[in-house]
Amino acid sequence: MTALQISAWTMLVFCGLWTGGILIFAVERTNLWRRMPINQYAVDFRRSLFRVDPMMPILGIIAGIGATVFGLDSGGWARILAWAGLALIVLVVVGSIAIAEPINSKFRRLQEGEIPEHAEYYRNVWRRFHAWRTLAALASLACAAGAAVAVHP
């Protein structure tokens, strides 16, 4: 297997897992969280973060490494799409650090069942941000898939 093939597999598999994790939260959790009473939301949100927060950046970074190697080793549209996919991964990761993580920390720092001040506001901001993050993650996966099929051996 060549470096290009290995990086394509890495880019696609890890970008798919990363995007899938983000998408499942958008489809399943945020809909439930919107309708939950705030005290139930605070507990469920905190528990979900505990399970998912460590994994998502790791998957995104590995996908980004795969996209970087693929972008360096390919040419033409494959290269352009790989770099676009990488830019979207970086956008999501940086946005998550800047917007979502401060909100996540407000819930994570408290004991289970405690509700941070302005929790309703944070729930709405997080939900809106997550919708945009989901679109960017889906676009990054589309770019990665497009890059992989645009390669000319």
N, C-alpha and C. Protein backbone atom coordinates (compact mmCIF):
# COMPACT_ATOMS: atom_id res chain seq x y z
N MET A 1 0.84 -1.19 0.00
CA MET A 1 0.00 0.00 0.00
C MET A 1 0.89 1.25 0.00
N THR A 2 0.52 2.22 -0.79
CA THR A 2 1.32 3.45 -0.88
C THR A 2 0.91 4.42 0.23
N ALA A 3 1.74 5.44 0.42
CA ALA A 3 1.41 6.49 1.41
C ALA A 3 0.10 7.18 1.03
N LEU A 4 -0.13 7.37 -0.25
CA LEU A 4 -1.36 8.01 -0.70
C LEU A 4 -2.58 7.16 -0.34
N GLN A 5 -2.47 5.86 -0.53
CA GLN A 5 -3.58 4.97 -0.19
C GLN A 5 -3.82 4.93 1.32
N ILE A 6 -2.75 4.85 2.08
CA ILE A 6 -2.88 4.82 3.54
C ILE A 6 -3.49 6.12 4.04
N SER A 7 -3.03 7.24 3.51
CA SER A 7 -3.58 8.53 3.95
C SER A 7 -5.04 8.68 3.51
N ALA A 8 -5.40 8.13 2.36
CA ALA A 8 -6.81 8.17 1.93
C ALA A 8 -7.68 7.38 2.89
N TRP A 9 -7.25 6.18 3.23
CA TRP A 9 -8.00 5.37 4.19
C TRP A 9 -8.11 6.09 5.54
N THR A 10 -7.01 6.62 6.02
CA THR A 10 -7.01 7.32 7.30
C THR A 10 -7.95 8.52 7.26
N MET A 11 -7.83 9.32 6.21
CA MET A 11 -8.68 10.50 6.05
C MET A 11 -10.15 10.10 6.04
N LEU A 12 -10.50 9.11 5.24
CA LEU A 12 -11.90 8.72 5.08
C LEU A 12 -12.48 8.05 6.33
N VAL A 13 -11.76 7.11 6.89
CA VAL A 13 -12.28 6.38 8.05
C VAL A 13 -12.44 7.32 9.25
N PHE A 14 -11.40 8.07 9.55
CA PHE A 14 -11.48 8.91 10.74
C PHE A 14 -12.37 10.13 10.54
N CYS A 15 -12.40 10.68 9.33
CA CYS A 15 -13.33 11.78 9.06
C CYS A 15 -14.76 11.27 9.13
N GLY A 16 -15.00 10.05 8.65
CA GLY A 16 -16.33 9.46 8.74
C GLY A 16 -16.77 9.22 10.17
N LEU A 17 -15.87 8.68 10.99
CA LEU A 17 -16.20 8.45 12.40
C LEU A 17 -16.46 9.77 13.13
N TRP A 18 -15.59 10.75 12.87
CA TRP A 18 -15.71 12.07 13.50
C TRP A 18 -17.01 12.76 13.09
N THR A 19 -17.29 12.76 11.80
CA THR A 19 -18.52 13.38 11.30
C THR A 19 -19.74 12.64 11.82
N GLY A 20 -19.67 11.32 11.85
CA GLY A 20 -20.78 10.53 12.38
C GLY A 20 -21.07 10.84 13.84
N GLY A 21 -20.02 10.99 14.63
CA GLY A 21 -20.21 11.37 16.04
C GLY A 21 -20.89 12.72 16.18
N ILE A 22 -20.47 13.66 15.38
CA ILE A 22 -21.08 14.99 15.41
C ILE A 22 -22.52 14.92 14.93
N LEU A 23 -22.75 14.17 13.86
CA LEU A 23 -24.09 14.07 13.28
C LEU A 23 -25.07 13.40 14.23
N ILE A 24 -24.65 12.35 14.92
CA ILE A 24 -25.58 11.66 15.81
C ILE A 24 -26.02 12.58 16.95
N PHE A 25 -25.13 13.45 17.41
CA PHE A 25 -25.54 14.42 18.42
C PHE A 25 -26.57 15.39 17.85
N ALA A 26 -26.37 15.80 16.60
CA ALA A 26 -27.30 16.74 15.97
C ALA A 26 -28.67 16.11 15.76
N VAL A 27 -28.67 14.85 15.36
CA VAL A 27 -29.93 14.17 15.06
C VAL A 27 -30.65 13.73 16.33
N GLU A 28 -29.91 13.18 17.26
CA GLU A 28 -30.55 12.54 18.42
C GLU A 28 -30.51 13.39 19.69
N ARG A 29 -29.35 13.83 20.10
CA ARG A 29 -29.25 14.48 21.42
C ARG A 29 -29.82 15.90 21.43
N THR A 30 -29.46 16.73 20.46
CA THR A 30 -29.89 18.13 20.54
C THR A 30 -31.40 18.26 20.46
N ASN A 31 -32.06 17.39 19.72
CA ASN A 31 -33.51 17.40 19.68
C ASN A 31 -34.11 17.10 21.05
N LEU A 32 -33.56 16.08 21.70
CA LEU A 32 -34.04 15.75 23.06
C LEU A 32 -33.70 16.86 24.05
N TRP A 33 -32.50 17.38 23.98
CA TRP A 33 -32.07 18.40 24.92
C TRP A 33 -32.94 19.66 24.83
N ARG A 34 -33.37 19.98 23.63
CA ARG A 34 -34.19 21.18 23.44
C ARG A 34 -35.50 21.07 24.22
N ARG A 35 -36.03 19.84 24.34
CA ARG A 35 -37.33 19.63 24.99
C ARG A 35 -37.24 19.25 26.47
N MET A 36 -36.04 18.94 26.95
CA MET A 36 -35.88 18.53 28.34
C MET A 36 -36.01 19.70 29.29
N PRO A 37 -36.56 19.44 30.49
CA PRO A 37 -36.46 20.48 31.53
C PRO A 37 -34.98 20.74 31.82
N ILE A 38 -34.65 21.95 32.20
CA ILE A 38 -33.25 22.36 32.33
C ILE A 38 -32.48 21.51 33.33
N ASN A 39 -33.12 21.06 34.40
CA ASN A 39 -32.40 20.23 35.38
C ASN A 39 -32.06 18.86 34.80
N GLN A 40 -32.96 18.28 34.02
CA GLN A 40 -32.69 17.00 33.37
C GLN A 40 -31.64 17.19 32.27
N TYR A 41 -31.73 18.29 31.54
CA TYR A 41 -30.76 18.60 30.49
C TYR A 41 -29.35 18.70 31.08
N ALA A 42 -29.21 19.39 32.21
CA ALA A 42 -27.89 19.58 32.80
C ALA A 42 -27.22 18.25 33.12
N VAL A 43 -27.98 17.30 33.62
CA VAL A 43 -27.44 15.97 33.94
C VAL A 43 -27.09 15.22 32.66
N ASP A 44 -28.01 15.19 31.70
CA ASP A 44 -27.80 14.43 30.47
C ASP A 44 -26.67 15.02 29.64
N PHE A 45 -26.61 16.34 29.55
CA PHE A 45 -25.55 17.01 28.80
C PHE A 45 -24.19 16.68 29.40
N ARG A 46 -24.08 16.77 30.71
CA ARG A 46 -22.82 16.50 31.40
C ARG A 46 -22.37 15.05 31.18
N ARG A 47 -23.30 14.12 31.28
CA ARG A 47 -22.96 12.70 31.07
C ARG A 47 -22.52 12.44 29.63
N SER A 48 -23.21 13.05 28.68
CA SER A 48 -22.85 12.88 27.28
C SER A 48 -21.46 13.44 26.99
N LEU A 49 -21.16 14.60 27.56
CA LEU A 49 -19.84 15.20 27.37
C LEU A 49 -18.75 14.31 27.94
N PHE A 50 -19.01 13.72 29.07
CA PHE A 50 -18.03 12.86 29.72
C PHE A 50 -17.62 11.72 28.80
N ARG A 51 -18.58 11.17 28.06
CA ARG A 51 -18.28 10.04 27.20
C ARG A 51 -17.66 10.45 25.87
N VAL A 52 -18.09 11.58 25.31
CA VAL A 52 -17.73 11.92 23.94
C VAL A 52 -16.60 12.94 23.84
N ASP A 53 -16.51 13.86 24.77
CA ASP A 53 -15.55 14.96 24.67
C ASP A 53 -14.11 14.52 24.43
N PRO A 54 -13.60 13.49 25.10
CA PRO A 54 -12.20 13.11 24.85
C PRO A 54 -11.99 12.51 23.46
N MET A 55 -13.00 11.85 22.92
CA MET A 55 -12.84 11.11 21.67
C MET A 55 -12.90 12.00 20.43
N MET A 56 -13.76 12.98 20.41
CA MET A 56 -14.01 13.75 19.18
C MET A 56 -12.78 14.51 18.69
N PRO A 57 -12.05 15.23 19.53
CA PRO A 57 -10.86 15.91 19.02
C PRO A 57 -9.81 14.94 18.47
N ILE A 58 -9.69 13.79 19.08
CA ILE A 58 -8.72 12.79 18.62
C ILE A 58 -9.09 12.32 17.22
N LEU A 59 -10.36 12.00 17.00
CA LEU A 59 -10.80 11.56 15.67
C LEU A 59 -10.59 12.66 14.64
N GLY A 60 -10.91 13.91 15.00
CA GLY A 60 -10.72 15.03 14.08
C GLY A 60 -9.26 15.26 13.74
N ILE A 61 -8.40 15.15 14.71
CA ILE A 61 -6.97 15.37 14.48
C ILE A 61 -6.40 14.27 13.58
N ILE A 62 -6.78 13.01 13.83
CA ILE A 62 -6.29 11.93 12.98
C ILE A 62 -6.80 12.10 11.55
N ALA A 63 -8.07 12.49 11.41
CA ALA A 63 -8.62 12.76 10.07
C ALA A 63 -7.84 13.89 9.40
N GLY A 64 -7.51 14.92 10.18
CA GLY A 64 -6.74 16.05 9.65
C GLY A 64 -5.34 15.65 9.22
N ILE A 65 -4.71 14.76 9.97
CA ILE A 65 -3.38 14.27 9.58
C ILE A 65 -3.49 13.48 8.28
N GLY A 66 -4.50 12.63 8.17
CA GLY A 66 -4.70 11.89 6.93
C GLY A 66 -4.94 12.81 5.76
N ALA A 67 -5.76 13.86 5.96
CA ALA A 67 -6.03 14.83 4.88
C ALA A 67 -4.78 15.60 4.50
N THR A 68 -3.95 15.93 5.49
CA THR A 68 -2.71 16.65 5.21
C THR A 68 -1.76 15.81 4.35
N VAL A 69 -1.53 14.57 4.75
CA VAL A 69 -0.65 13.69 3.99
C VAL A 69 -1.22 13.45 2.59
N PHE A 70 -2.53 13.23 2.53
CA PHE A 70 -3.17 13.02 1.24
C PHE A 70 -3.02 14.27 0.36
N GLY A 71 -3.24 15.44 0.92
CA GLY A 71 -3.11 16.68 0.17
C GLY A 71 -1.70 16.91 -0.34
N LEU A 72 -0.72 16.54 0.46
CA LEU A 72 0.68 16.70 0.03
C LEU A 72 1.07 15.71 -1.06
N ASP A 73 0.48 14.51 -1.04
CA ASP A 73 0.86 13.45 -1.98
C ASP A 73 0.02 13.41 -3.25
N SER A 74 -1.04 14.18 -3.32
CA SER A 74 -1.92 14.13 -4.48
C SER A 74 -1.80 15.42 -5.28
N GLY A 75 -2.54 15.50 -6.35
CA GLY A 75 -2.52 16.71 -7.18
C GLY A 75 -3.90 17.01 -7.72
N GLY A 76 -4.03 18.13 -8.41
CA GLY A 76 -5.28 18.51 -9.06
C GLY A 76 -6.43 18.67 -8.08
N TRP A 77 -7.61 18.21 -8.52
CA TRP A 77 -8.81 18.34 -7.68
C TRP A 77 -8.70 17.55 -6.38
N ALA A 78 -8.02 16.43 -6.42
CA ALA A 78 -7.84 15.63 -5.20
C ALA A 78 -7.14 16.45 -4.13
N ARG A 79 -6.10 17.16 -4.52
CA ARG A 79 -5.36 18.00 -3.58
C ARG A 79 -6.25 19.14 -3.07
N ILE A 80 -6.93 19.82 -3.97
CA ILE A 80 -7.79 20.95 -3.59
C ILE A 80 -8.87 20.49 -2.60
N LEU A 81 -9.51 19.37 -2.91
CA LEU A 81 -10.57 18.88 -2.02
C LEU A 81 -10.02 18.41 -0.68
N ALA A 82 -8.85 17.80 -0.67
CA ALA A 82 -8.24 17.39 0.60
C ALA A 82 -7.93 18.59 1.47
N TRP A 83 -7.38 19.65 0.87
CA TRP A 83 -7.08 20.85 1.64
C TRP A 83 -8.36 21.54 2.12
N ALA A 84 -9.40 21.52 1.28
CA ALA A 84 -10.69 22.10 1.70
C ALA A 84 -11.27 21.32 2.87
N GLY A 85 -11.18 19.99 2.78
CA GLY A 85 -11.64 19.15 3.89
C GLY A 85 -10.87 19.42 5.16
N LEU A 86 -9.55 19.56 5.02
CA LEU A 86 -8.72 19.88 6.19
C LEU A 86 -9.10 21.23 6.77
N ALA A 87 -9.32 22.23 5.92
CA ALA A 87 -9.71 23.55 6.41
C ALA A 87 -11.02 23.49 7.19
N LEU A 88 -11.96 22.68 6.74
CA LEU A 88 -13.23 22.54 7.45
C LEU A 88 -13.05 21.81 8.78
N ILE A 89 -12.18 20.80 8.80
CA ILE A 89 -11.88 20.12 10.07
C ILE A 89 -11.28 21.11 11.06
N VAL A 90 -10.33 21.89 10.61
CA VAL A 90 -9.69 22.90 11.47
C VAL A 90 -10.74 23.91 11.96
N LEU A 91 -11.61 24.35 11.07
CA LEU A 91 -12.67 25.28 11.45
C LEU A 91 -13.54 24.71 12.56
N VAL A 92 -13.93 23.45 12.42
CA VAL A 92 -14.76 22.81 13.44
C VAL A 92 -14.01 22.67 14.76
N VAL A 93 -12.77 22.21 14.69
CA VAL A 93 -11.99 22.01 15.93
C VAL A 93 -11.75 23.35 16.64
N VAL A 94 -11.33 24.36 15.89
CA VAL A 94 -11.08 25.67 16.50
C VAL A 94 -12.38 26.27 17.04
N GLY A 95 -13.46 26.17 16.25
CA GLY A 95 -14.75 26.66 16.73
C GLY A 95 -15.22 25.93 17.98
N SER A 96 -14.97 24.64 18.02
CA SER A 96 -15.35 23.85 19.20
C SER A 96 -14.57 24.30 20.43
N ILE A 97 -13.29 24.57 20.24
CA ILE A 97 -12.47 25.04 21.36
C ILE A 97 -12.93 26.42 21.82
N ALA A 98 -13.24 27.29 20.86
CA ALA A 98 -13.59 28.67 21.18
C ALA A 98 -15.02 28.84 21.67
N ILE A 99 -15.96 28.06 21.15
CA ILE A 99 -17.38 28.28 21.47
C ILE A 99 -17.94 27.18 22.37
N ALA A 100 -17.81 25.92 21.94
CA ALA A 100 -18.45 24.83 22.68
C ALA A 100 -17.73 24.50 23.98
N GLU A 101 -16.41 24.46 23.96
CA GLU A 101 -15.66 24.03 25.15
C GLU A 101 -15.90 24.92 26.37
N PRO A 102 -15.94 26.25 26.23
CA PRO A 102 -16.26 27.06 27.42
C PRO A 102 -17.64 26.73 28.00
N ILE A 103 -18.60 26.42 27.12
CA ILE A 103 -19.93 26.03 27.60
C ILE A 103 -19.86 24.65 28.26
N ASN A 104 -19.18 23.72 27.61
CA ASN A 104 -19.04 22.37 28.17
C ASN A 104 -18.42 22.44 29.57
N SER A 105 -17.40 23.28 29.72
CA SER A 105 -16.70 23.38 31.00
C SER A 105 -17.61 23.89 32.11
N LYS A 106 -18.53 24.76 31.79
CA LYS A 106 -19.45 25.29 32.80
C LYS A 106 -20.29 24.17 33.40
N PHE A 107 -20.66 23.19 32.60
CA PHE A 107 -21.44 22.06 33.08
C PHE A 107 -20.54 21.00 33.73
N ARG A 108 -19.37 20.78 33.13
CA ARG A 108 -18.47 19.73 33.60
C ARG A 108 -17.89 20.05 34.98
N ARG A 109 -17.65 21.33 35.26
CA ARG A 109 -17.03 21.72 36.55
C ARG A 109 -17.95 21.50 37.74
N LEU A 110 -19.25 21.47 37.50
CA LEU A 110 -20.21 21.33 38.59
C LEU A 110 -20.47 19.86 38.92
N GLN A 111 -20.99 19.64 40.10
CA GLN A 111 -21.41 18.29 40.48
C GLN A 111 -22.63 17.90 39.64
N GLU A 112 -22.78 16.61 39.41
CA GLU A 112 -23.94 16.17 38.64
C GLU A 112 -25.23 16.65 39.30
N GLY A 113 -26.10 17.19 38.49
CA GLY A 113 -27.38 17.70 38.97
C GLY A 113 -27.37 19.20 39.23
N GLU A 114 -26.18 19.79 39.38
CA GLU A 114 -26.11 21.24 39.56
C GLU A 114 -26.28 21.91 38.20
N ILE A 115 -26.93 23.06 38.23
CA ILE A 115 -27.22 23.78 37.00
C ILE A 115 -26.42 25.09 37.00
N PRO A 116 -25.61 25.31 35.96
CA PRO A 116 -24.86 26.57 35.92
C PRO A 116 -25.80 27.76 35.70
N GLU A 117 -25.37 28.90 36.16
CA GLU A 117 -26.12 30.12 35.92
C GLU A 117 -26.20 30.36 34.41
N HIS A 118 -27.34 30.78 33.93
CA HIS A 118 -27.60 31.04 32.50
C HIS A 118 -27.60 29.76 31.66
N ALA A 119 -27.98 28.65 32.27
CA ALA A 119 -27.95 27.36 31.58
C ALA A 119 -28.84 27.35 30.33
N GLU A 120 -29.98 27.99 30.40
CA GLU A 120 -30.88 28.02 29.23
C GLU A 120 -30.22 28.75 28.06
N TYR A 121 -29.54 29.83 28.34
CA TYR A 121 -28.82 30.57 27.31
C TYR A 121 -27.72 29.70 26.70
N TYR A 122 -26.95 29.01 27.54
CA TYR A 122 -25.87 28.16 27.06
C TYR A 122 -26.42 27.00 26.21
N ARG A 123 -27.55 26.46 26.62
CA ARG A 123 -28.16 25.38 25.83
C ARG A 123 -28.48 25.87 24.43
N ASN A 124 -29.05 27.04 24.30
CA ASN A 124 -29.42 27.58 22.99
C ASN A 124 -28.19 27.90 22.14
N VAL A 125 -27.18 28.50 22.74
CA VAL A 125 -25.96 28.82 22.00
C VAL A 125 -25.28 27.53 21.52
N TRP A 126 -25.18 26.56 22.41
CA TRP A 126 -24.52 25.30 22.06
C TRP A 126 -25.28 24.61 20.93
N ARG A 127 -26.59 24.58 21.01
CA ARG A 127 -27.41 23.92 19.99
C ARG A 127 -27.25 24.59 18.63
N ARG A 128 -27.26 25.92 18.59
CA ARG A 128 -27.08 26.64 17.33
C ARG A 128 -25.68 26.41 16.76
N PHE A 129 -24.68 26.51 17.63
CA PHE A 129 -23.32 26.25 17.18
C PHE A 129 -23.18 24.84 16.64
N HIS A 130 -23.78 23.87 17.33
CA HIS A 130 -23.65 22.48 16.91
C HIS A 130 -24.29 22.26 15.53
N ALA A 131 -25.35 22.96 15.22
CA ALA A 131 -25.96 22.85 13.89
C ALA A 131 -24.97 23.29 12.81
N TRP A 132 -24.29 24.40 13.03
CA TRP A 132 -23.28 24.88 12.07
C TRP A 132 -22.07 23.95 12.03
N ARG A 133 -21.68 23.45 13.18
CA ARG A 133 -20.55 22.51 13.25
C ARG A 133 -20.88 21.23 12.47
N THR A 134 -22.11 20.79 12.56
CA THR A 134 -22.53 19.59 11.85
C THR A 134 -22.44 19.79 10.34
N LEU A 135 -22.91 20.93 9.86
CA LEU A 135 -22.83 21.22 8.43
C LEU A 135 -21.37 21.26 7.95
N ALA A 136 -20.51 21.88 8.73
CA ALA A 136 -19.10 21.95 8.35
C ALA A 136 -18.45 20.57 8.37
N ALA A 137 -18.80 19.74 9.35
CA ALA A 137 -18.25 18.38 9.41
C ALA A 137 -18.73 17.55 8.23
N LEU A 138 -20.00 17.66 7.88
CA LEU A 138 -20.52 16.94 6.71
C LEU A 138 -19.81 17.39 5.43
N ALA A 139 -19.58 18.70 5.32
CA ALA A 139 -18.87 19.23 4.15
C ALA A 139 -17.44 18.71 4.11
N SER A 140 -16.80 18.59 5.28
CA SER A 140 -15.42 18.06 5.30
C SER A 140 -15.39 16.61 4.84
N LEU A 141 -16.38 15.83 5.25
CA LEU A 141 -16.45 14.44 4.80
C LEU A 141 -16.70 14.36 3.29
N ALA A 142 -17.57 15.23 2.79
CA ALA A 142 -17.82 15.27 1.34
C ALA A 142 -16.53 15.62 0.59
N CYS A 143 -15.79 16.58 1.11
CA CYS A 143 -14.50 16.94 0.47
C CYS A 143 -13.53 15.77 0.50
N ALA A 144 -13.44 15.08 1.64
CA ALA A 144 -12.53 13.94 1.74
C ALA A 144 -12.93 12.84 0.76
N ALA A 145 -14.22 12.55 0.67
CA ALA A 145 -14.67 11.53 -0.26
C ALA A 145 -14.40 11.96 -1.70
N GLY A 146 -14.68 13.22 -1.99
CA GLY A 146 -14.40 13.73 -3.32
C GLY A 146 -12.93 13.67 -3.67
N ALA A 147 -12.10 13.98 -2.68
CA ALA A 147 -10.64 13.93 -2.91
C ALA A 147 -10.21 12.50 -3.22
N ALA A 148 -10.74 11.56 -2.48
CA ALA A 148 -10.33 10.16 -2.66
C ALA A 148 -10.71 9.63 -4.04
N VAL A 149 -11.85 10.06 -4.55
CA VAL A 149 -12.26 9.55 -5.87
C VAL A 149 -11.68 10.38 -7.02
N ALA A 150 -11.14 11.55 -6.71
CA ALA A 150 -10.57 12.41 -7.75
C ALA A 150 -9.11 12.09 -8.06
N VAL A 151 -8.52 11.17 -7.33
CA VAL A 151 -7.11 10.82 -7.54
C VAL A 151 -6.95 10.10 -8.87
N HIS A 152 -5.94 10.52 -9.60
CA HIS A 152 -5.60 9.84 -10.85
C HIS A 152 -4.25 9.16 -10.66
N PRO A 153 -4.26 7.82 -10.68
CA PRO A 153 -3.00 7.09 -10.45
C PRO A 153 -1.97 7.32 -11.52
